[in-house]
Structures are given as C-alpha cells and as structure tokens.
Amino acid sequence: MEDEIRHATSYMTYYRCALMEIEAKLRALNEQFATLEDYNPIETIKTRLKTPESIAEKMERRGLPFDFALVEREIKDIAGVRVICPFISDIYTIAERLLMREDIKLLERRDYIREPKKNGYRSLHLIVQVPIYLTEGKRMMCVEIQLRTIAMDFWASLDHRLSYKKEMDLAITQQLHEELIACSNESSKLDERMEAVRNAIDKRRKVRN
C-alpha cells in the first residue's frame, strides 16, 4: 500500500493541473464581467485536493482495490473547486457560462439550492471533465465544482464543525442540528431579500442612465 500511495502522489499532479485549468477559466469569467459589466459575480475561489491516504480509505470503505484506473472511475471529487458568489443568480450565471465552453464536459449536476438536503445544506454541485495537456498528450480529468453564496458557505462551515464534534452529548448534537436547519432556512430568505435589494438598486440605476 505504501508504494501505491507514493505512486499516487505523482499521479495527483494530473488533478492539480485540472484544478489550475478550472480556476483559470473561472477567473477569466470574473475578469470579463468586471470589464464589461463593472461587476464581479465571484467573491472567492478555493481549491482542494484529496490526499492519497483519504482516497485509499474511501476505496477501502467501498470494498475496492486501490487501483488508479478504478479510482478515476469511482471517485469524481478528488479535485474540488469551491466558488463563493454574492448572490444566488450569480451561481447559475457562472455555471451556465462555464458549461458553455467547448472544453468543459458536464458529467453530473446536483442542485441543492432548489432542492436542499434534509440537514439544510445548500449548494450547486457540478462534476465536470476538463482536458489537461501533458508531455504524453491530452488527458481528460474530473473536477467537482461547488457554487455557493457567502451565507451558504458560512452555514456549511458550521455544519462541518458540528459533524466532527463526536464527543458531544447526542441530545445536544441533535438540538444543534435542528438549529442549523432553521439557520439554513433563514439564510436562504436573507439571500433572496438581499438579491431583491440588489435588483431594485440596479433597476433604479438603469432608469437614471
């Protein structure tokens, strides 16, 4: 297994290249909006790469061997990009513009904004393939893209923190989960109200111009 993990470390270079490709395309989109419309629909872009150890553990949980060809078929979120947008409409705009590119292939779309998870989680998930160009030629790599508003990202960080507090009393944990669901509903309403205010401001600005 140690040899496999060492081999995986070099193999992860492919995924790093895929992350750089997606990040560059997103930054180019944001720059285009800033130039043409004087507006940035992307606040921040964060990238992350699963470690070879975590990939091996995930394959083991699925009862599968740690084989690279199998890993590529089974695990689609080794490379991940998180895009934080000011407003919900920005999320769908960025997703639409990105998927219009001929070099981006959509494999899977999960809309947890229109249909949130039971625990209150909201985000738009895209699994895409992007080409990377290596010394041995072109290779298609999978990347998971998560698009969220600032409020959604803040909520997700709290939920993640709670999920790792295993030492807490079960009743307290359940109470906090229920509170988080309520927070998710309130933050969703806040996102909608803030967008309505933004739209009203933009409408007045257009009338004056």
Foldseek 3Di string as FASTA:
>chain_A
DVVLLVVVVVVCVQLVQVLVVVVVVLVVVQVVCCVPVVDGFFDDKDKDADHSVVLCVVCVVVVHHSDPVVSQVPDQARIEMETEGAAPVSQVVSVVVVCVDPQKAWDDWDACQVPNDPLLQGWIKTWIWGWDADPVGIDIGIHIYTYYYPQNVVLVVVVVVLVPPVVDDPVVSVVVSVVSNVSSVVVSVVSVVVVVVVVVVVVVVVVVD
